[in-house]
Amino acid sequence: GNVRSNQPWVHTVKKGGALINTAVIKASPAMKNAYMYAKQGIKEVK
């Protein structure tokens, strides 16, 4: 839908608090950059 959600969504979380971003990305530069960060590794995601 059109519900406001400008933050990349986290579907899974590893124990210890490490986030793995497998989210849906909106068509904005900020979101595309966030998705690229997710690909680069968990530290960048944090």
All heavy atoms as atom14 arrays in JSON, in Angstrom:
{
  "sequence": "GNVRSNQPWVHTVKKGGALINTAVIKASPAMKNAYMYAKQGIKEVK",
  "atom14_mask": [
    [1, 1, 1, 1, 0, 0, 0, 0, 0, 0, 0, 0, 0, 0],
    [1, 1, 1, 1, 1, 1, 1, 1, 0, 0, 0, 0, 0, 0],
    [1, 1, 1, 1, 1, 1, 1, 0, 0, 0, 0, 0, 0, 0],
    [1, 1, 1, 1, 1, 1, 1, 1, 1, 1, 1, 0, 0, 0],
    [1, 1, 1, 1, 1, 1, 0, 0, 0, 0, 0, 0, 0, 0],
    [1, 1, 1, 1, 1, 1, 1, 1, 0, 0, 0, 0, 0, 0],
    [1, 1, 1, 1, 1, 1, 1, 1, 1, 0, 0, 0, 0, 0],
    [1, 1, 1, 1, 1, 1, 1, 0, 0, 0, 0, 0, 0, 0],
    [1, 1, 1, 1, 1, 1, 1, 1, 1, 1, 1, 1, 1, 1],
    [1, 1, 1, 1, 1, 1, 1, 0, 0, 0, 0, 0, 0, 0],
    [1, 1, 1, 1, 1, 1, 1, 1, 1, 1, 0, 0, 0, 0],
    [1, 1, 1, 1, 1, 1, 1, 0, 0, 0, 0, 0, 0, 0],
    [1, 1, 1, 1, 1, 1, 1, 0, 0, 0, 0, 0, 0, 0],
    [1, 1, 1, 1, 1, 1, 1, 1, 1, 0, 0, 0, 0, 0],
    [1, 1, 1, 1, 1, 1, 1, 1, 1, 0, 0, 0, 0, 0],
    [1, 1, 1, 1, 0, 0, 0, 0, 0, 0, 0, 0, 0, 0],
    [1, 1, 1, 1, 0, 0, 0, 0, 0, 0, 0, 0, 0, 0],
    [1, 1, 1, 1, 1, 0, 0, 0, 0, 0, 0, 0, 0, 0],
    [1, 1, 1, 1, 1, 1, 1, 1, 0, 0, 0, 0, 0, 0],
    [1, 1, 1, 1, 1, 1, 1, 1, 0, 0, 0, 0, 0, 0],
    [1, 1, 1, 1, 1, 1, 1, 1, 0, 0, 0, 0, 0, 0],
    [1, 1, 1, 1, 1, 1, 1, 0, 0, 0, 0, 0, 0, 0],
    [1, 1, 1, 1, 1, 0, 0, 0, 0, 0, 0, 0, 0, 0],
    [1, 1, 1, 1, 1, 1, 1, 0, 0, 0, 0, 0, 0, 0],
    [1, 1, 1, 1, 1, 1, 1, 1, 0, 0, 0, 0, 0, 0],
    [1, 1, 1, 1, 1, 1, 1, 1, 1, 0, 0, 0, 0, 0],
    [1, 1, 1, 1, 1, 0, 0, 0, 0, 0, 0, 0, 0, 0],
    [1, 1, 1, 1, 1, 1, 0, 0, 0, 0, 0, 0, 0, 0],
    [1, 1, 1, 1, 1, 1, 1, 0, 0, 0, 0, 0, 0, 0],
    [1, 1, 1, 1, 1, 0, 0, 0, 0, 0, 0, 0, 0, 0],
    [1, 1, 1, 1, 1, 1, 1, 1, 0, 0, 0, 0, 0, 0],
    [1, 1, 1, 1, 1, 1, 1, 1, 1, 0, 0, 0, 0, 0],
    [1, 1, 1, 1, 1, 1, 1, 1, 0, 0, 0, 0, 0, 0],
    [1, 1, 1, 1, 1, 0, 0, 0, 0, 0, 0, 0, 0, 0],
    [1, 1, 1, 1, 1, 1, 1, 1, 1, 1, 1, 1, 0, 0],
    [1, 1, 1, 1, 1, 1, 1, 1, 0, 0, 0, 0, 0, 0],
    [1, 1, 1, 1, 1, 1, 1, 1, 1, 1, 1, 1, 0, 0],
    [1, 1, 1, 1, 1, 0, 0, 0, 0, 0, 0, 0, 0, 0],
    [1, 1, 1, 1, 1, 1, 1, 1, 1, 0, 0, 0, 0, 0],
    [1, 1, 1, 1, 1, 1, 1, 1, 1, 0, 0, 0, 0, 0],
    [1, 1, 1, 1, 0, 0, 0, 0, 0, 0, 0, 0, 0, 0],
    [1, 1, 1, 1, 1, 1, 1, 1, 0, 0, 0, 0, 0, 0],
    [1, 1, 1, 1, 1, 1, 1, 1, 1, 0, 0, 0, 0, 0],
    [1, 1, 1, 1, 1, 1, 1, 1, 1, 0, 0, 0, 0, 0],
    [1, 1, 1, 1, 1, 1, 1, 0, 0, 0, 0, 0, 0, 0],
    [1, 1, 1, 1, 1, 1, 1, 1, 1, 0, 0, 0, 0, 0]
  ],
  "atom14_positions": [
    [[0.81, -1.21, 0.0], [0.0, 0.0, 0.0], [0.84, 1.25, 0.0], [2.04, 1.25, -0.26], [0.0, 0.0, 0.0], [0.0, 0.0, 0.0], [0.0, 0.0, 0.0], [0.0, 0.0, 0.0], [0.0, 0.0, 0.0], [0.0, 0.0, 0.0], [0.0, 0.0, 0.0], [0.0, 0.0, 0.0], [0.0, 0.0, 0.0], [0.0, 0.0, 0.0]],
    [[0.17, 2.35, 0.33], [0.84, 3.65, 0.35], [1.17, 4.1, 1.75], [1.31, 5.28, 2.0], [-0.06, 4.69, -0.31], [-0.27, 4.39, -1.78], [0.66, 3.95, -2.45], [-1.48, 4.62, -2.26], [0.0, 0.0, 0.0], [0.0, 0.0, 0.0], [0.0, 0.0, 0.0], [0.0, 0.0, 0.0], [0.0, 0.0, 0.0], [0.0, 0.0, 0.0]],
    [[1.23, 3.13, 2.68], [1.51, 3.49, 4.07], [2.94, 3.99, 4.2], [3.87, 3.41, 3.64], [1.29, 2.27, 4.99], [1.64, 2.64, 6.43], [-0.16, 1.82, 4.9], [0.0, 0.0, 0.0], [0.0, 0.0, 0.0], [0.0, 0.0, 0.0], [0.0, 0.0, 0.0], [0.0, 0.0, 0.0], [0.0, 0.0, 0.0], [0.0, 0.0, 0.0]],
    [[3.1, 5.04, 4.94], [4.43, 5.62, 5.14], [5.35, 4.6, 5.79], [5.1, 4.09, 6.85], [4.31, 6.86, 6.03], [5.63, 7.36, 6.58], [5.32, 8.43, 7.61], [6.55, 8.81, 8.29], [6.62, 9.07, 9.57], [5.55, 8.94, 10.33], [7.76, 9.43, 10.12], [0.0, 0.0, 0.0], [0.0, 0.0, 0.0], [0.0, 0.0, 0.0]],
    [[6.45, 4.31, 5.1], [7.47, 3.44, 5.67], [8.78, 3.75, 4.97], [9.17, 3.08, 4.03], [7.1, 1.97, 5.5], [8.09, 1.16, 6.09], [0.0, 0.0, 0.0], [0.0, 0.0, 0.0], [0.0, 0.0, 0.0], [0.0, 0.0, 0.0], [0.0, 0.0, 0.0], [0.0, 0.0, 0.0], [0.0, 0.0, 0.0], [0.0, 0.0, 0.0]],
    [[9.46, 4.81, 5.4], [10.67, 5.24, 4.72], [11.92, 4.54, 5.25], [13.02, 4.8, 4.81], [10.85, 6.76, 4.86], [10.99, 7.18, 6.31], [10.12, 6.88, 7.11], [12.07, 7.87, 6.64], [0.0, 0.0, 0.0], [0.0, 0.0, 0.0], [0.0, 0.0, 0.0], [0.0, 0.0, 0.0], [0.0, 0.0, 0.0], [0.0, 0.0, 0.0]],
    [[11.74, 3.64, 6.2], [12.88, 2.91, 6.75], [12.92, 1.5, 6.18], [11.89, 0.83, 6.13], [12.77, 2.84, 8.28], [13.94, 2.08, 8.93], [13.95, 2.31, 10.42], [13.91, 3.44, 10.87], [14.02, 1.26, 11.18], [0.0, 0.0, 0.0], [0.0, 0.0, 0.0], [0.0, 0.0, 0.0], [0.0, 0.0, 0.0], [0.0, 0.0, 0.0]],
    [[14.07, 1.03, 5.71], [14.14, -0.33, 5.19], [13.73, -1.32, 6.26], [14.1, -1.18, 7.42], [15.62, -0.49, 4.8], [16.34, 0.55, 5.6], [15.38, 1.69, 5.74], [0.0, 0.0, 0.0], [0.0, 0.0, 0.0], [0.0, 0.0, 0.0], [0.0, 0.0, 0.0], [0.0, 0.0, 0.0], [0.0, 0.0, 0.0], [0.0, 0.0, 0.0]],
    [[12.94, -2.31, 5.86], [12.35, -3.21, 6.85], [13.24, -4.4, 7.12], [13.8, -5.01, 6.22], [10.98, -3.66, 6.38], [10.3, -4.55, 7.37], [9.72, -5.74, 7.14], [10.13, -4.3, 8.76], [9.19, -6.24, 8.28], [9.43, -5.4, 9.29], [10.51, -3.27, 9.62], [9.08, -5.49, 10.63], [10.17, -3.37, 10.95], [9.47, -4.46, 11.43]],
    [[13.37, -4.76, 8.36], [14.18, -5.9, 8.78], [13.26, -7.1, 8.99], [12.38, -7.05, 9.83], [14.94, -5.58, 10.07], [15.73, -6.8, 10.52], [15.88, -4.41, 9.83], [0.0, 0.0, 0.0], [0.0, 0.0, 0.0], [0.0, 0.0, 0.0], [0.0, 0.0, 0.0], [0.0, 0.0, 0.0], [0.0, 0.0, 0.0], [0.0, 0.0, 0.0]],
    [[13.43, -8.17, 8.23], [12.6, -9.35, 8.36], [13.2, -10.37, 9.32], [12.5, -11.17, 9.9], [12.41, -10.03, 7.0], [11.41, -9.33, 6.14], [10.07, -9.35, 6.41], [11.57, -8.56, 5.03], [9.42, -8.66, 5.49], [10.31, -8.16, 4.65], [0.0, 0.0, 0.0], [0.0, 0.0, 0.0], [0.0, 0.0, 0.0], [0.0, 0.0, 0.0]],
    [[14.51, -10.36, 9.46], [15.14, -11.34, 10.33], [16.18, -10.67, 11.21], [16.79, -9.69, 10.83], [15.85, -12.45, 9.51], [16.76, -11.82, 8.6], [14.84, -13.27, 8.73], [0.0, 0.0, 0.0], [0.0, 0.0, 0.0], [0.0, 0.0, 0.0], [0.0, 0.0, 0.0], [0.0, 0.0, 0.0], [0.0, 0.0, 0.0], [0.0, 0.0, 0.0]],
    [[16.37, -11.21, 12.39], [17.34, -10.68, 13.34], [18.12, -11.84, 13.92], [17.54, -12.78, 14.45], [16.65, -9.92, 14.49], [17.69, -9.35, 15.44], [15.8, -8.8, 13.93], [0.0, 0.0, 0.0], [0.0, 0.0, 0.0], [0.0, 0.0, 0.0], [0.0, 0.0, 0.0], [0.0, 0.0, 0.0], [0.0, 0.0, 0.0], [0.0, 0.0, 0.0]],
    [[19.42, -11.77, 13.82], [20.24, -12.82, 14.44], [20.34, -12.59, 15.93], [20.24, -11.47, 16.41], [21.64, -12.81, 13.83], [21.72, -13.45, 12.45], [23.16, -13.56, 12.01], [23.29, -14.31, 10.7], [24.7, -14.42, 10.27], [0.0, 0.0, 0.0], [0.0, 0.0, 0.0], [0.0, 0.0, 0.0], [0.0, 0.0, 0.0], [0.0, 0.0, 0.0]],
    [[20.53, -13.66, 16.67], [20.72, -13.54, 18.11], [21.94, -12.66, 18.37], [22.95, -12.75, 17.69], [20.89, -14.91, 18.75], [19.58, -15.71, 18.76], [19.76, -17.01, 19.49], [18.44, -17.77, 19.55], [18.58, -19.06, 20.25], [0.0, 0.0, 0.0], [0.0, 0.0, 0.0], [0.0, 0.0, 0.0], [0.0, 0.0, 0.0], [0.0, 0.0, 0.0]],
    [[21.86, -11.87, 19.42], [22.93, -10.95, 19.73], [22.66, -9.56, 19.19], [23.43, -8.64, 19.4], [0.0, 0.0, 0.0], [0.0, 0.0, 0.0], [0.0, 0.0, 0.0], [0.0, 0.0, 0.0], [0.0, 0.0, 0.0], [0.0, 0.0, 0.0], [0.0, 0.0, 0.0], [0.0, 0.0, 0.0], [0.0, 0.0, 0.0], [0.0, 0.0, 0.0]],
    [[21.54, -9.42, 18.45], [21.16, -8.09, 18.0], [21.64, -7.71, 16.63], [21.37, -6.62, 16.14], [0.0, 0.0, 0.0], [0.0, 0.0, 0.0], [0.0, 0.0, 0.0], [0.0, 0.0, 0.0], [0.0, 0.0, 0.0], [0.0, 0.0, 0.0], [0.0, 0.0, 0.0], [0.0, 0.0, 0.0], [0.0, 0.0, 0.0], [0.0, 0.0, 0.0]],
    [[22.38, -8.6, 15.93], [22.85, -8.27, 14.6], [21.69, -8.29, 13.62], [20.95, -9.24, 13.55], [23.92, -9.27, 14.17], [0.0, 0.0, 0.0], [0.0, 0.0, 0.0], [0.0, 0.0, 0.0], [0.0, 0.0, 0.0], [0.0, 0.0, 0.0], [0.0, 0.0, 0.0], [0.0, 0.0, 0.0], [0.0, 0.0, 0.0], [0.0, 0.0, 0.0]],
    [[21.54, -7.21, 12.86], [20.42, -7.1, 11.94], [20.81, -7.55, 10.54], [21.88, -7.24, 10.04], [19.95, -5.64, 11.88], [19.53, -5.01, 13.2], [19.02, -3.6, 12.95], [18.48, -5.84, 13.89], [0.0, 0.0, 0.0], [0.0, 0.0, 0.0], [0.0, 0.0, 0.0], [0.0, 0.0, 0.0], [0.0, 0.0, 0.0], [0.0, 0.0, 0.0]],
    [[19.92, -8.29, 9.91], [20.1, -8.66, 8.51], [18.97, -8.03, 7.73], [17.81, -8.33, 7.96], [20.08, -10.19, 8.32], [21.18, -10.82, 9.16], [20.22, -10.55, 6.86], [21.21, -12.32, 9.06], [0.0, 0.0, 0.0], [0.0, 0.0, 0.0], [0.0, 0.0, 0.0], [0.0, 0.0, 0.0], [0.0, 0.0, 0.0], [0.0, 0.0, 0.0]],
    [[19.28, -7.13, 6.81], [18.27, -6.4, 6.07], [17.85, -7.19, 4.84], [18.65, -7.42, 3.94], [18.84, -5.05, 5.66], [17.77, -4.13, 5.12], [16.81, -4.6, 4.52], [17.94, -2.84, 5.35], [0.0, 0.0, 0.0], [0.0, 0.0, 0.0], [0.0, 0.0, 0.0], [0.0, 0.0, 0.0], [0.0, 0.0, 0.0], [0.0, 0.0, 0.0]],
    [[16.59, -7.64, 4.83], [16.04, -8.32, 3.65], [14.77, -7.59, 3.23], [13.81, -8.2, 2.84], [15.73, -9.79, 3.97], [14.77, -9.83, 5.02], [16.96, -10.54, 4.41], [0.0, 0.0, 0.0], [0.0, 0.0, 0.0], [0.0, 0.0, 0.0], [0.0, 0.0, 0.0], [0.0, 0.0, 0.0], [0.0, 0.0, 0.0], [0.0, 0.0, 0.0]],
    [[14.8, -6.27, 3.33], [13.57, -5.5, 3.29], [13.16, -5.09, 1.89], [13.9, -5.16, 0.93], [13.74, -4.25, 4.12], [0.0, 0.0, 0.0], [0.0, 0.0, 0.0], [0.0, 0.0, 0.0], [0.0, 0.0, 0.0], [0.0, 0.0, 0.0], [0.0, 0.0, 0.0], [0.0, 0.0, 0.0], [0.0, 0.0, 0.0], [0.0, 0.0, 0.0]],
    [[11.92, -4.61, 1.83], [11.4, -4.01, 0.62], [11.92, -2.58, 0.55], [11.85, -1.84, 1.52], [9.87, -4.0, 0.62], [9.32, -3.31, -0.61], [9.36, -5.43, 0.71], [0.0, 0.0, 0.0], [0.0, 0.0, 0.0], [0.0, 0.0, 0.0], [0.0, 0.0, 0.0], [0.0, 0.0, 0.0], [0.0, 0.0, 0.0], [0.0, 0.0, 0.0]],
    [[12.42, -2.17, -0.6], [13.01, -0.84, -0.73], [12.13, 0.03, -1.61], [11.73, -0.38, -2.69], [14.41, -0.95, -1.36], [15.27, -1.91, -0.55], [15.06, 0.41, -1.47], [15.46, -1.52, 0.88], [0.0, 0.0, 0.0], [0.0, 0.0, 0.0], [0.0, 0.0, 0.0], [0.0, 0.0, 0.0], [0.0, 0.0, 0.0], [0.0, 0.0, 0.0]],
    [[11.81, 1.23, -1.14], [11.06, 2.16, -1.96], [11.98, 2.82, -2.98], [13.2, 2.84, -2.82], [10.4, 3.23, -1.08], [9.2, 2.69, -0.3], [8.38, 3.84, 0.22], [7.1, 3.28, 0.85], [6.22, 4.37, 1.31], [0.0, 0.0, 0.0], [0.0, 0.0, 0.0], [0.0, 0.0, 0.0], [0.0, 0.0, 0.0], [0.0, 0.0, 0.0]],
    [[11.39, 3.39, -4.02], [12.16, 3.94, -5.13], [12.69, 5.33, -4.8], [12.45, 6.31, -5.51], [11.29, 4.0, -6.38], [0.0, 0.0, 0.0], [0.0, 0.0, 0.0], [0.0, 0.0, 0.0], [0.0, 0.0, 0.0], [0.0, 0.0, 0.0], [0.0, 0.0, 0.0], [0.0, 0.0, 0.0], [0.0, 0.0, 0.0], [0.0, 0.0, 0.0]],
    [[13.43, 5.43, -3.73], [14.07, 6.7, -3.38], [15.56, 6.45, -3.22], [15.98, 5.35, -2.86], [13.5, 7.25, -2.07], [13.86, 6.42, -1.0], [0.0, 0.0, 0.0], [0.0, 0.0, 0.0], [0.0, 0.0, 0.0], [0.0, 0.0, 0.0], [0.0, 0.0, 0.0], [0.0, 0.0, 0.0], [0.0, 0.0, 0.0], [0.0, 0.0, 0.0]],
    [[16.4, 7.45, -3.52], [17.85, 7.26, -3.4], [18.28, 6.79, -2.02], [19.16, 5.94, -1.9], [18.4, 8.66, -3.71], [17.34, 9.3, -4.54], [16.05, 8.77, -4.03], [0.0, 0.0, 0.0], [0.0, 0.0, 0.0], [0.0, 0.0, 0.0], [0.0, 0.0, 0.0], [0.0, 0.0, 0.0], [0.0, 0.0, 0.0], [0.0, 0.0, 0.0]],
    [[17.65, 7.32, -0.99], [18.03, 6.92, 0.37], [17.8, 5.44, 0.59], [18.61, 4.75, 1.2], [17.24, 7.73, 1.4], [0.0, 0.0, 0.0], [0.0, 0.0, 0.0], [0.0, 0.0, 0.0], [0.0, 0.0, 0.0], [0.0, 0.0, 0.0], [0.0, 0.0, 0.0], [0.0, 0.0, 0.0], [0.0, 0.0, 0.0], [0.0, 0.0, 0.0]],
    [[16.68, 4.93, 0.07], [16.36, 3.52, 0.27], [17.29, 2.62, -0.56], [17.7, 1.56, -0.13], [14.91, 3.25, -0.12], [13.91, 3.94, 0.8], [14.14, 3.5, 2.55], [15.11, 4.89, 3.13], [0.0, 0.0, 0.0], [0.0, 0.0, 0.0], [0.0, 0.0, 0.0], [0.0, 0.0, 0.0], [0.0, 0.0, 0.0], [0.0, 0.0, 0.0]],
    [[17.59, 3.07, -1.78], [18.51, 2.27, -2.59], [19.89, 2.21, -1.95], [20.55, 1.17, -1.96], [18.59, 2.89, -3.99], [17.3, 2.74, -4.79], [17.41, 3.42, -6.14], [16.11, 3.28, -6.93], [16.17, 3.97, -8.23], [0.0, 0.0, 0.0], [0.0, 0.0, 0.0], [0.0, 0.0, 0.0], [0.0, 0.0, 0.0], [0.0, 0.0, 0.0]],
    [[20.32, 3.34, -1.37], [21.6, 3.34, -0.68], [21.58, 2.41, 0.53], [22.55, 1.71, 0.8], [21.94, 4.76, -0.22], [22.28, 5.66, -1.4], [22.65, 5.16, -2.46], [22.13, 6.97, -1.22], [0.0, 0.0, 0.0], [0.0, 0.0, 0.0], [0.0, 0.0, 0.0], [0.0, 0.0, 0.0], [0.0, 0.0, 0.0], [0.0, 0.0, 0.0]],
    [[20.44, 2.4, 1.25], [20.33, 1.52, 2.42], [20.43, 0.07, 2.0], [21.03, -0.75, 2.69], [19.0, 1.78, 3.14], [0.0, 0.0, 0.0], [0.0, 0.0, 0.0], [0.0, 0.0, 0.0], [0.0, 0.0, 0.0], [0.0, 0.0, 0.0], [0.0, 0.0, 0.0], [0.0, 0.0, 0.0], [0.0, 0.0, 0.0], [0.0, 0.0, 0.0]],
    [[19.8, -0.27, 0.88], [19.86, -1.65, 0.4], [21.29, -2.03, 0.02], [21.74, -3.15, 0.29], [18.93, -1.81, -0.8], [18.86, -3.23, -1.31], [18.42, -4.25, -0.47], [19.24, -3.54, -2.6], [18.35, -5.56, -0.92], [19.16, -4.84, -3.06], [18.72, -5.85, -2.23], [18.66, -7.14, -2.68], [0.0, 0.0, 0.0], [0.0, 0.0, 0.0]],
    [[22.03, -1.1, -0.57], [23.42, -1.39, -0.92], [24.25, -1.6, 0.35], [25.12, -2.45, 0.4], [23.99, -0.25, -1.76], [23.33, -0.13, -3.15], [24.06, 1.14, -4.16], [25.72, 0.5, -4.39], [0.0, 0.0, 0.0], [0.0, 0.0, 0.0], [0.0, 0.0, 0.0], [0.0, 0.0, 0.0], [0.0, 0.0, 0.0], [0.0, 0.0, 0.0]],
    [[23.95, -0.82, 1.36], [24.64, -1.02, 2.64], [24.37, -2.41, 3.18], [25.25, -3.07, 3.73], [24.2, 0.04, 3.66], [25.01, 1.3, 3.63], [24.59, 2.37, 2.84], [26.18, 1.44, 4.36], [25.32, 3.55, 2.8], [26.91, 2.6, 4.32], [26.48, 3.66, 3.54], [27.21, 4.82, 3.51], [0.0, 0.0, 0.0], [0.0, 0.0, 0.0]],
    [[23.12, -2.87, 3.03], [22.77, -4.19, 3.52], [23.58, -5.26, 2.83], [23.99, -6.24, 3.44], [21.28, -4.45, 3.31], [0.0, 0.0, 0.0], [0.0, 0.0, 0.0], [0.0, 0.0, 0.0], [0.0, 0.0, 0.0], [0.0, 0.0, 0.0], [0.0, 0.0, 0.0], [0.0, 0.0, 0.0], [0.0, 0.0, 0.0], [0.0, 0.0, 0.0]],
    [[23.82, -5.07, 1.54], [24.6, -6.05, 0.8], [26.06, -6.07, 1.26], [26.74, -7.09, 1.2], [24.55, -5.72, -0.7], [23.23, -6.11, -1.37], [23.33, -5.89, -2.86], [22.1, -6.4, -3.57], [22.19, -6.23, -5.04], [0.0, 0.0, 0.0], [0.0, 0.0, 0.0], [0.0, 0.0, 0.0], [0.0, 0.0, 0.0], [0.0, 0.0, 0.0]],
    [[26.55, -4.93, 1.69], [27.96, -4.84, 2.04], [28.29, -5.51, 3.37], [29.43, -5.79, 3.65], [28.37, -3.36, 2.1], [28.32, -2.68, 0.73], [28.56, -1.2, 0.84], [28.96, -0.72, 1.89], [28.3, -0.48, -0.25], [0.0, 0.0, 0.0], [0.0, 0.0, 0.0], [0.0, 0.0, 0.0], [0.0, 0.0, 0.0], [0.0, 0.0, 0.0]],
    [[27.3, -5.75, 4.2], [27.6, -6.43, 5.45], [26.81, -5.9, 6.62], [26.25, -4.82, 6.58], [0.0, 0.0, 0.0], [0.0, 0.0, 0.0], [0.0, 0.0, 0.0], [0.0, 0.0, 0.0], [0.0, 0.0, 0.0], [0.0, 0.0, 0.0], [0.0, 0.0, 0.0], [0.0, 0.0, 0.0], [0.0, 0.0, 0.0], [0.0, 0.0, 0.0]],
    [[26.79, -6.7, 7.68], [25.98, -6.36, 8.85], [26.47, -5.11, 9.55], [25.67, -4.3, 10.01], [25.99, -7.56, 9.83], [25.25, -8.72, 9.18], [25.34, -7.19, 11.14], [25.31, -9.99, 10.0], [0.0, 0.0, 0.0], [0.0, 0.0, 0.0], [0.0, 0.0, 0.0], [0.0, 0.0, 0.0], [0.0, 0.0, 0.0], [0.0, 0.0, 0.0]],
    [[27.77, -4.89, 9.58], [28.27, -3.69, 10.25], [27.76, -2.43, 9.58], [27.38, -1.46, 10.24], [29.8, -3.7, 10.26], [30.4, -4.74, 11.19], [31.91, -4.62, 11.23], [32.51, -5.64, 12.2], [33.98, -5.53, 12.27], [0.0, 0.0, 0.0], [0.0, 0.0, 0.0], [0.0, 0.0, 0.0], [0.0, 0.0, 0.0], [0.0, 0.0, 0.0]],
    [[27.78, -2.45, 8.24], [27.28, -1.29, 7.52], [25.78, -1.09, 7.76], [25.29, 0.04, 7.83], [27.54, -1.44, 6.02], [28.99, -1.18, 5.62], [29.87, -2.41, 5.83], [29.37, -3.39, 6.39], [31.03, -2.36, 5.42], [0.0, 0.0, 0.0], [0.0, 0.0, 0.0], [0.0, 0.0, 0.0], [0.0, 0.0, 0.0], [0.0, 0.0, 0.0]],
    [[25.03, -2.19, 7.89], [23.6, -2.09, 8.15], [23.36, -1.41, 9.48], [22.53, -0.52, 9.62], [22.93, -3.48, 8.14], [21.46, -3.36, 8.54], [23.04, -4.09, 6.75], [0.0, 0.0, 0.0], [0.0, 0.0, 0.0], [0.0, 0.0, 0.0], [0.0, 0.0, 0.0], [0.0, 0.0, 0.0], [0.0, 0.0, 0.0], [0.0, 0.0, 0.0]],
    [[24.09, -1.85, 10.51], [23.94, -1.23, 11.82], [24.24, 0.26, 11.75], [23.52, 1.08, 12.3], [24.89, -1.9, 12.82], [24.57, -3.34, 13.15], [25.59, -3.84, 14.15], [25.36, -5.29, 14.51], [26.37, -5.78, 15.46], [0.0, 0.0, 0.0], [0.0, 0.0, 0.0], [0.0, 0.0, 0.0], [0.0, 0.0, 0.0], [0.0, 0.0, 0.0]]
  ]
}
